[in-house]
Amino acid sequence: MRSAFGRIAGLLLMLAAWAGPALQQAAEAREARRTEAKPADARPPQPGSAQAEARLHAIHTLIGHGRMAEARAQAERLVRDFPQFQLGHMLLGDLLSAQAGRFGAGGVLPARLNATQGEALLQLRDEARQRLLAVQDRPPAGRLPSAFLALPATVRHAVAVDASRHRLYVFERSARGLRLVADHYVSLGKSGVDKRVEGDQRTPVGVYFTTSRLDGKQLADLYGSGALTLNYPNEIDRLKGRTGSGIWLHGTPAANYARAPLSTDGCIVLSNPDMQRLMQTVAAQGTPVVVAHKLDWVVPEASERSNRGFGEALRAWWQARDLGDANRLAAFYAASASPLAEAPTLRRVSSRAGPASVQRFQSPKDLSILTWRDQLDHAVVTFGDVGRGARTGVVRRQYWTHDGQRWRIVHESLIG
């Protein structure tokens, strides 16, 4: 059994690194015993892909323990219950090949595969590696992405994508703040991330917001069960001359359970069950979506320290505006930007009793601060802007960039 496992580890690429202590942790051992005591075919498949992925991990756990016959039986049940899960078919094929003693050494592909087939098999193995990494490298308990510098109670959900892990994380507002409620494997652009021009088949890195929900019945089969559209390009993208459009979160074609890690034209693609769950969970408009090369997980109190003191810069801007100091305020704006003329930025109110007095403002209402990093550090700030004593105001959105020395506003607008 152990020699067969060794051959599987060579071809699967990922098992050699994980088949030792990581797969034999107590939690996974308990999962293996649970699976053995209550076989998968005794339970109807649960909705969504989380159950399929959990069963895939359970099979790898059995392999890690050298329980090859049980692993083959579980793999057969997996492909029966999820016939479009190509990764399950690949794993079953590997197990059957090992049983027959026909495994090639060192992960060498069989000679009969053409280039297209060989590439498809390598992509499946990369998908398996990403899924296993997601299990073993879980976000630390009680931590959030450092990009979530501030999110108001009015934001019920937030989404973060870790491109290095091909993983999408969904957060939900609770009485104690944001908490991680789901995470899903995702496919990204064929050429990776850092989208720059239309047609480069890259997924953009940055902070975006959902703008609409599209039902799968309205769309071509390519988009699966539906889509959430994003506001790419954002203002930073435009200032950098980035082009392209139509960056969505969407599902997979009917013939596929999931797509290869790098297989889209720039969109972020989930399995159809995961996409359906996401569309049922998050708001169609205004849900923040952070796409990062790699997420930095921090305790919420440490977010400001991990973002180059952005909070201090924002407070200084607020103070300069509230004091009506036009010169001091102008220093916060890049050469290409200036305070909004139509907003109540430096409005002075005449007084019969004396000289003009400064119109002061209430504290920002529903303040949202989200950050990201490409070549530079950026932040997008959204808040309700209401004059002191007033009942209503405007919603202001600012894009800030750290130019290597200080934070500056590069674009400011009113939204909503």
Protein backbone atom coordinates (compact mmCIF):
# COMPACT_ATOMS: atom_id res chain seq x y z
CA MET A 1 0.00 0.00 0.00
CA ARG A 2 2.76 2.43 0.87
CA SER A 3 4.57 1.82 -2.43
CA ALA A 4 1.37 2.51 -4.33
CA PHE A 5 0.95 5.69 -2.35
CA GLY A 6 4.48 6.70 -3.28
CA ARG A 7 3.69 6.38 -6.96
CA ILE A 8 0.52 8.45 -6.54
CA ALA A 9 2.46 11.15 -4.73
CA GLY A 10 4.85 11.39 -7.65
CA LEU A 11 2.14 12.03 -10.23
CA LEU A 12 -0.26 14.12 -8.18
CA LEU A 13 2.55 16.63 -7.43
CA MET A 14 0.89 17.91 -4.32
CA LEU A 15 0.71 14.79 -2.16
CA ALA A 16 4.44 14.46 -1.61
CA ALA A 17 4.45 17.72 0.30
CA TRP A 18 1.26 17.12 2.27
CA ALA A 19 0.98 13.39 2.85
CA GLY A 20 3.06 13.48 6.02
CA PRO A 21 2.19 15.29 9.25
CA ALA A 22 -0.24 17.76 7.69
CA LEU A 23 -2.62 15.06 6.48
CA GLN A 24 -2.30 13.19 9.75
CA GLN A 25 -3.33 15.95 12.07
CA ALA A 26 -5.90 15.06 14.65
CA ALA A 27 -8.71 16.94 12.97
CA GLU A 28 -8.18 15.16 9.69
CA ALA A 29 -7.87 11.82 11.41
CA ARG A 30 -11.26 12.44 13.00
CA GLU A 31 -12.66 13.28 9.57
CA ALA A 32 -11.29 10.01 8.20
CA ARG A 33 -12.90 8.03 11.02
CA ARG A 34 -16.19 9.85 10.47
CA THR A 35 -16.07 9.06 6.77
CA GLU A 36 -15.31 5.40 7.46
CA ALA A 37 -18.08 5.05 10.00
CA LYS A 38 -20.61 6.84 7.81
CA PRO A 39 -19.73 6.25 4.16
CA ALA A 40 -20.46 8.96 1.62
CA ASP A 41 -22.99 6.90 -0.30
CA ALA A 42 -25.16 6.67 2.81
CA ARG A 43 -25.82 10.41 2.60
CA PRO A 44 -27.45 12.24 -0.29
CA PRO A 45 -25.19 14.88 -1.85
CA GLN A 46 -25.63 18.25 -0.19
CA PRO A 47 -26.28 21.35 -2.30
CA GLY A 48 -23.24 23.37 -3.24
CA SER A 49 -19.66 22.49 -4.03
CA ALA A 50 -18.37 22.64 -0.46
CA GLN A 51 -19.56 19.09 0.09
CA ALA A 52 -17.81 17.83 -3.05
CA GLU A 53 -14.59 19.57 -2.05
CA ALA A 54 -14.81 18.18 1.50
CA ARG A 55 -15.14 14.67 0.08
CA LEU A 56 -12.15 15.25 -2.17
CA HIS A 57 -10.09 16.23 0.88
CA ALA A 58 -11.33 13.17 2.78
CA ILE A 59 -10.04 10.97 -0.05
CA HIS A 60 -6.62 12.61 0.14
CA THR A 61 -6.64 12.02 3.89
CA LEU A 62 -7.29 8.31 3.33
CA ILE A 63 -4.41 8.21 0.83
CA GLY A 64 -2.19 9.92 3.38
CA HIS A 65 -2.95 7.11 5.80
CA GLY A 66 -2.25 4.46 3.16
CA ARG A 67 -5.90 3.32 3.08
CA MET A 68 -5.96 2.96 -0.69
CA ALA A 69 -8.97 0.63 -1.08
CA GLU A 70 -11.15 2.99 0.97
CA ALA A 71 -9.86 5.94 -1.04
CA ARG A 72 -10.81 4.24 -4.32
CA ALA A 73 -14.29 3.45 -3.01
CA GLN A 74 -14.78 7.06 -1.91
CA ALA A 75 -13.53 8.34 -5.26
CA GLU A 76 -16.01 6.11 -7.11
CA ARG A 77 -18.85 7.52 -5.01
CA LEU A 78 -17.63 11.06 -5.57
CA VAL A 79 -17.70 10.84 -9.38
CA ARG A 80 -21.05 9.07 -9.25
CA ASP A 81 -22.61 11.84 -7.17
CA PHE A 82 -20.80 14.68 -8.99
CA PRO A 83 -20.30 13.38 -12.56
CA GLN A 84 -19.06 16.76 -13.88
CA PHE A 85 -16.31 17.08 -11.28
CA GLN A 86 -13.31 16.46 -13.54
CA LEU A 87 -10.89 16.54 -10.64
CA GLY A 88 -12.73 13.64 -9.01
CA HIS A 89 -12.43 11.61 -12.22
CA MET A 90 -8.70 12.36 -12.40
CA LEU A 91 -8.16 11.23 -8.82
CA LEU A 92 -10.09 8.03 -9.41
CA GLY A 93 -8.06 7.37 -12.56
CA ASP A 94 -4.82 7.86 -10.64
CA LEU A 95 -5.97 5.46 -7.94
CA LEU A 96 -6.97 2.82 -10.48
CA SER A 97 -3.67 3.23 -12.33
CA ALA A 98 -1.78 2.77 -9.07
CA GLN A 99 -3.80 -0.35 -8.33
CA ALA A 100 -2.89 -1.76 -11.73
CA GLY A 101 0.77 -0.82 -11.30
CA ARG A 102 0.80 1.42 -14.39
CA PHE A 103 1.94 4.65 -12.79
CA GLY A 104 4.79 6.48 -14.45
CA ALA A 105 7.62 7.73 -12.25
CA GLY A 106 8.04 11.37 -11.31
CA GLY A 107 4.70 12.52 -12.67
CA VAL A 108 5.62 11.98 -16.35
CA LEU A 109 2.53 12.17 -18.54
CA PRO A 110 1.65 9.10 -20.64
CA ALA A 111 3.06 9.38 -24.15
CA ARG A 112 -0.33 8.88 -25.77
CA LEU A 113 -1.60 12.26 -24.50
CA ASN A 114 -1.42 15.08 -27.02
CA ALA A 115 -0.33 18.57 -25.99
CA THR A 116 -3.88 19.77 -25.31
CA GLN A 117 -4.73 16.75 -23.19
CA GLY A 118 -1.47 17.01 -21.31
CA GLU A 119 -2.08 20.67 -20.52
CA ALA A 120 -5.60 19.88 -19.32
CA LEU A 121 -4.26 17.20 -16.99
CA LEU A 122 -1.62 19.53 -15.59
CA GLN A 123 -4.31 22.15 -14.97
CA LEU A 124 -6.39 19.61 -13.05
CA ARG A 125 -3.39 18.79 -10.90
CA ASP A 126 -2.87 22.50 -10.24
CA GLU A 127 -6.53 22.78 -9.23
CA ALA A 128 -6.05 19.88 -6.80
CA ARG A 129 -2.97 21.57 -5.34
CA GLN A 130 -4.85 24.85 -4.85
CA ARG A 131 -7.77 23.12 -3.17
CA LEU A 132 -5.47 21.26 -0.79
CA LEU A 133 -3.57 24.43 0.06
CA ALA A 134 -6.85 26.12 0.93
CA VAL A 135 -7.54 23.40 3.51
CA GLN A 136 -4.08 23.42 5.04
CA ASP A 137 -3.48 27.17 5.01
CA ARG A 138 -6.69 28.38 6.58
CA PRO A 139 -7.06 32.05 7.58
CA PRO A 140 -6.13 32.45 11.25
CA ALA A 141 -9.13 32.63 13.56
CA GLY A 142 -10.25 36.14 14.42
CA ARG A 143 -8.33 37.81 11.59
CA LEU A 144 -9.49 39.76 8.56
CA PRO A 145 -7.79 40.91 5.37
CA SER A 146 -5.75 44.05 6.09
CA ALA A 147 -7.54 45.61 3.11
CA PHE A 148 -10.66 45.97 5.29
CA LEU A 149 -9.47 49.07 7.13
CA ALA A 150 -13.01 50.18 7.99
CA LEU A 151 -16.45 48.91 6.99
CA PRO A 152 -19.66 50.36 8.44
CA ALA A 153 -22.57 48.37 9.78
CA THR A 154 -24.50 49.23 6.61
CA VAL A 155 -22.15 46.93 4.66
CA ARG A 156 -23.65 43.52 5.32
CA HIS A 157 -21.16 41.50 3.30
CA ALA A 158 -17.68 41.88 1.83
CA VAL A 159 -15.69 39.69 -0.53
CA ALA A 160 -11.93 39.18 -0.80
CA VAL A 161 -10.05 37.18 -3.46
CA ASP A 162 -6.56 35.79 -2.86
CA ALA A 163 -5.08 35.25 -6.32
CA SER A 164 -2.15 33.24 -4.93
CA ARG A 165 -4.59 30.71 -3.47
CA HIS A 166 -7.32 30.92 -6.14
CA ARG A 167 -9.71 31.44 -3.26
CA LEU A 168 -12.67 33.75 -2.74
CA TYR A 169 -13.67 34.56 0.86
CA VAL A 170 -17.12 35.82 1.89
CA PHE A 171 -17.54 37.86 5.08
CA GLU A 172 -20.79 38.68 6.86
CA ARG A 173 -21.64 41.36 9.40
CA SER A 174 -22.35 40.00 12.87
CA ALA A 175 -22.81 41.54 16.32
CA ARG A 176 -19.03 41.26 16.79
CA GLY A 177 -18.10 42.63 13.39
CA LEU A 178 -17.22 40.90 10.15
CA ARG A 179 -16.78 37.14 10.21
CA LEU A 180 -15.75 34.66 7.54
CA VAL A 181 -18.78 32.60 6.51
CA ALA A 182 -17.69 30.87 3.28
CA ASP A 183 -14.78 30.40 0.93
CA HIS A 184 -14.65 28.99 -2.58
CA TYR A 185 -12.15 27.89 -5.20
CA VAL A 186 -12.05 30.29 -8.16
CA SER A 187 -10.54 30.43 -11.64
CA LEU A 188 -8.72 33.56 -12.81
CA GLY A 189 -7.39 35.01 -16.06
CA LYS A 190 -5.35 32.82 -18.39
CA SER A 191 -2.42 35.24 -18.08
CA GLY A 192 -2.79 35.74 -14.35
CA VAL A 193 -3.59 39.03 -12.60
CA ASP A 194 -2.71 42.74 -12.97
CA LYS A 195 -5.00 43.58 -15.87
CA ARG A 196 -3.71 46.48 -17.96
CA VAL A 197 -5.28 46.45 -21.42
CA GLU A 198 -8.38 45.05 -23.04
CA GLY A 199 -7.90 41.49 -24.21
CA ASP A 200 -4.81 40.71 -22.09
CA GLN A 201 -6.73 37.88 -20.36
CA ARG A 202 -5.72 39.10 -16.91
CA THR A 203 -7.82 39.59 -13.79
CA PRO A 204 -7.54 43.09 -12.29
CA VAL A 205 -6.07 43.70 -8.83
CA GLY A 206 -7.82 46.35 -6.76
CA VAL A 207 -11.00 47.26 -4.91
CA TYR A 208 -14.25 47.04 -6.84
CA PHE A 209 -17.96 47.09 -6.09
CA THR A 210 -20.79 44.95 -7.41
CA THR A 211 -23.02 46.86 -9.81
CA SER A 212 -25.72 44.37 -10.87
CA ARG A 213 -26.91 40.78 -10.69
CA LEU A 214 -27.51 38.82 -13.91
CA ASP A 215 -29.57 35.65 -13.91
CA GLY A 216 -28.14 32.68 -15.77
CA LYS A 217 -31.26 32.50 -17.94
CA GLN A 218 -30.29 35.87 -19.41
CA LEU A 219 -26.77 34.77 -20.28
CA ALA A 220 -24.88 32.46 -22.60
CA ASP A 221 -23.92 29.04 -21.20
CA LEU A 222 -20.34 30.28 -20.67
CA TYR A 223 -21.51 32.27 -17.63
CA GLY A 224 -23.25 29.37 -15.91
CA SER A 225 -25.82 30.02 -13.20
CA GLY A 226 -25.41 33.80 -13.24
CA ALA A 227 -23.11 36.73 -12.63
CA LEU A 228 -22.32 39.72 -10.44
CA THR A 229 -20.83 42.57 -12.45
CA LEU A 230 -17.98 44.75 -11.11
CA ASN A 231 -17.10 48.40 -11.67
CA TYR A 232 -13.81 47.73 -13.44
CA PRO A 233 -12.09 49.96 -14.42
CA ASN A 234 -12.18 51.99 -11.21
CA GLU A 235 -10.79 55.54 -11.00
CA ILE A 236 -7.25 54.38 -10.26
CA ASP A 237 -7.39 52.08 -13.29
CA ARG A 238 -8.51 54.96 -15.49
CA LEU A 239 -5.76 57.26 -14.22
CA LYS A 240 -3.23 54.56 -15.08
CA GLY A 241 -4.67 54.20 -18.58
CA ARG A 242 -5.96 50.68 -18.04
CA THR A 243 -8.59 49.53 -20.49
CA GLY A 244 -11.11 46.73 -20.83
CA SER A 245 -14.51 46.04 -19.33
CA GLY A 246 -16.92 43.24 -18.50
CA ILE A 247 -15.07 41.88 -15.46
CA TRP A 248 -17.59 39.72 -13.64
CA LEU A 249 -17.94 37.10 -10.98
CA HIS A 250 -19.79 34.29 -12.75
CA GLY A 251 -20.46 30.56 -12.94
CA THR A 252 -19.26 27.77 -15.21
CA PRO A 253 -20.65 26.20 -18.40
CA ALA A 254 -23.10 23.34 -17.88
CA ALA A 255 -20.56 20.74 -19.03
CA ASN A 256 -18.05 21.71 -16.32
CA TYR A 257 -18.12 21.50 -12.55
CA ALA A 258 -15.21 23.92 -12.22
CA ARG A 259 -12.65 25.53 -14.50
CA ALA A 260 -8.87 25.34 -14.40
CA PRO A 261 -7.08 27.82 -12.10
CA LEU A 262 -5.95 30.01 -15.02
CA SER A 263 -8.61 29.70 -17.71
CA THR A 264 -10.74 32.87 -17.99
CA ASP A 265 -10.51 36.02 -20.07
CA GLY A 266 -10.15 38.04 -16.86
CA CYS A 267 -13.32 37.23 -14.93
CA ILE A 268 -13.43 35.48 -11.55
CA VAL A 269 -15.23 32.18 -12.05
CA LEU A 270 -16.86 29.97 -9.41
CA SER A 271 -18.64 26.65 -9.69
CA ASN A 272 -22.36 27.07 -10.35
CA PRO A 273 -23.44 26.01 -6.83
CA ASP A 274 -20.98 28.46 -5.29
CA MET A 275 -22.08 31.23 -7.64
CA GLN A 276 -25.73 30.65 -6.81
CA ARG A 277 -24.95 30.85 -3.11
CA LEU A 278 -22.95 34.04 -3.59
CA MET A 279 -25.72 35.73 -5.59
CA GLN A 280 -28.24 34.79 -2.90
CA THR A 281 -25.99 36.20 -0.17
CA VAL A 282 -24.43 39.50 -1.22
CA ALA A 283 -26.07 42.70 -2.42
CA ALA A 284 -26.20 43.16 -6.19
CA GLN A 285 -24.99 46.73 -5.83
CA GLY A 286 -22.33 48.15 -3.55
CA THR A 287 -20.78 44.97 -2.15
CA PRO A 288 -17.01 45.56 -1.90
CA VAL A 289 -14.80 43.03 -3.68
CA VAL A 290 -11.07 43.15 -2.93
CA VAL A 291 -8.80 41.31 -5.38
CA ALA A 292 -5.23 40.91 -4.08
CA HIS A 293 -2.08 39.12 -5.16
CA LYS A 294 -2.05 37.64 -1.66
CA LEU A 295 -4.25 38.53 1.27
CA ASP A 296 -2.60 39.74 4.45
CA TRP A 297 -4.56 38.47 7.45
CA VAL A 298 -4.39 40.68 10.55
CA VAL A 299 -6.30 41.23 13.76
CA PRO A 300 -8.79 44.06 13.06
CA GLU A 301 -7.02 46.44 15.46
CA ALA A 302 -3.79 46.10 13.45
CA SER A 303 -5.30 47.05 10.09
CA GLU A 304 -4.30 50.71 10.33
CA ARG A 305 -0.70 49.87 11.21
CA SER A 306 -0.48 47.64 8.14
CA ASN A 307 -1.68 50.39 5.80
CA ARG A 308 1.08 53.02 6.03
CA GLY A 309 -0.80 55.18 8.50
CA PHE A 310 -3.68 55.91 6.14
CA GLY A 311 -6.09 56.61 8.98
CA GLU A 312 -3.87 59.42 10.23
CA ALA A 313 -3.75 60.98 6.74
CA LEU A 314 -7.54 60.87 6.43
CA ARG A 315 -8.01 62.49 9.84
CA ALA A 316 -5.59 65.26 8.86
CA TRP A 317 -7.56 65.89 5.64
CA TRP A 318 -10.79 66.06 7.64
CA GLN A 319 -9.31 68.54 10.10
CA ALA A 320 -7.98 70.81 7.31
CA ARG A 321 -11.36 70.85 5.63
CA ASP A 322 -13.27 71.45 8.84
CA LEU A 323 -11.03 74.40 9.65
CA GLY A 324 -11.58 75.86 6.20
CA ASP A 325 -7.83 75.97 5.53
CA ALA A 326 -7.79 75.97 1.71
CA ASN A 327 -4.00 75.94 1.37
CA ARG A 328 -3.57 73.12 3.83
CA LEU A 329 -6.39 71.19 2.20
CA ALA A 330 -4.95 71.58 -1.31
CA ALA A 331 -1.78 69.82 -0.19
CA PHE A 332 -3.77 66.60 0.16
CA TYR A 333 -4.68 66.54 -3.54
CA ALA A 334 -2.51 65.31 -6.40
CA ALA A 335 -1.87 67.74 -9.26
CA SER A 336 -4.55 66.01 -11.34
CA ALA A 337 -7.23 66.37 -8.64
CA SER A 338 -8.83 69.14 -6.63
CA PRO A 339 -11.59 69.50 -4.00
CA LEU A 340 -15.07 69.15 -5.43
CA ALA A 341 -16.58 72.51 -6.30
CA GLU A 342 -20.12 71.18 -6.01
CA ALA A 343 -19.59 69.63 -2.57
CA PRO A 344 -19.84 71.64 0.68
CA THR A 345 -16.05 71.48 1.09
CA LEU A 346 -15.15 75.03 2.15
CA ARG A 347 -18.53 76.67 2.34
CA ARG A 348 -18.59 79.74 4.59
CA VAL A 349 -21.81 80.86 6.23
CA SER A 350 -22.45 84.62 6.60
CA SER A 351 -23.42 85.90 10.01
CA ARG A 352 -25.13 89.26 10.73
CA ALA A 353 -23.38 89.37 14.08
CA GLY A 354 -19.88 89.25 12.70
CA PRO A 355 -17.52 88.00 9.99
CA ALA A 356 -18.09 84.86 7.97
CA SER A 357 -17.76 81.65 9.96
CA VAL A 358 -16.64 78.21 8.80
CA GLN A 359 -19.35 75.66 8.05
CA ARG A 360 -18.23 72.63 10.04
CA PHE A 361 -19.19 69.04 9.34
CA GLN A 362 -20.47 66.09 11.26
CA SER A 363 -18.23 63.06 11.63
CA PRO A 364 -18.22 60.98 8.44
CA LYS A 365 -21.31 58.83 8.27
CA ASP A 366 -20.99 55.12 7.38
CA LEU A 367 -17.26 55.44 6.74
CA SER A 368 -15.80 52.73 4.50
CA ILE A 369 -12.05 52.38 3.88
CA LEU A 370 -10.66 49.64 1.65
CA THR A 371 -7.05 49.39 0.55
CA TRP A 372 -5.01 47.50 -2.01
CA ARG A 373 -1.52 47.38 -3.41
CA ASP A 374 -0.10 47.05 -6.91
CA GLN A 375 3.04 49.03 -7.69
CA LEU A 376 1.81 51.59 -5.12
CA ASP A 377 -0.54 51.56 -2.14
CA HIS A 378 -4.10 52.73 -2.77
CA ALA A 379 -7.27 53.31 -0.76
CA VAL A 380 -10.89 54.00 -1.62
CA VAL A 381 -12.90 55.93 0.97
CA THR A 382 -16.69 56.28 0.93
CA PHE A 383 -18.74 58.21 3.50
CA GLY A 384 -21.83 60.29 4.04
CA ASP A 385 -20.87 63.95 4.11
CA VAL A 386 -23.31 66.02 6.14
CA GLY A 387 -22.94 69.59 7.39
CA ARG A 388 -23.28 70.09 11.11
CA GLY A 389 -26.89 70.76 11.94
CA ALA A 390 -28.11 69.39 8.61
CA ARG A 391 -30.21 66.25 8.23
CA THR A 392 -29.11 65.23 4.78
CA GLY A 393 -25.96 65.50 2.72
CA VAL A 394 -24.04 63.79 -0.03
CA VAL A 395 -22.08 60.56 -0.39
CA ARG A 396 -18.45 61.24 -1.17
CA ARG A 397 -15.96 58.76 -2.62
CA GLN A 398 -12.24 59.41 -2.69
CA TYR A 399 -9.39 57.43 -4.24
CA TRP A 400 -6.07 57.91 -2.46
CA THR A 401 -2.56 56.82 -3.50
CA HIS A 402 0.64 56.70 -1.47
CA ASP A 403 3.24 58.26 -3.76
CA GLY A 404 6.20 56.95 -1.78
CA GLN A 405 6.23 59.89 0.60
CA ARG A 406 2.65 60.63 1.59
CA TRP A 407 -0.97 59.85 0.88
CA ARG A 408 -2.72 62.07 -1.69
CA ILE A 409 -6.23 62.15 -3.14
CA VAL A 410 -6.11 61.39 -6.86
CA HIS A 411 -9.84 61.42 -7.52
CA GLU A 412 -12.93 62.62 -5.67
CA SER A 413 -16.58 62.33 -6.64
CA LEU A 414 -20.13 62.22 -5.37
CA ILE A 415 -21.98 58.94 -5.80
CA GLY A 416 -25.50 57.67 -5.39
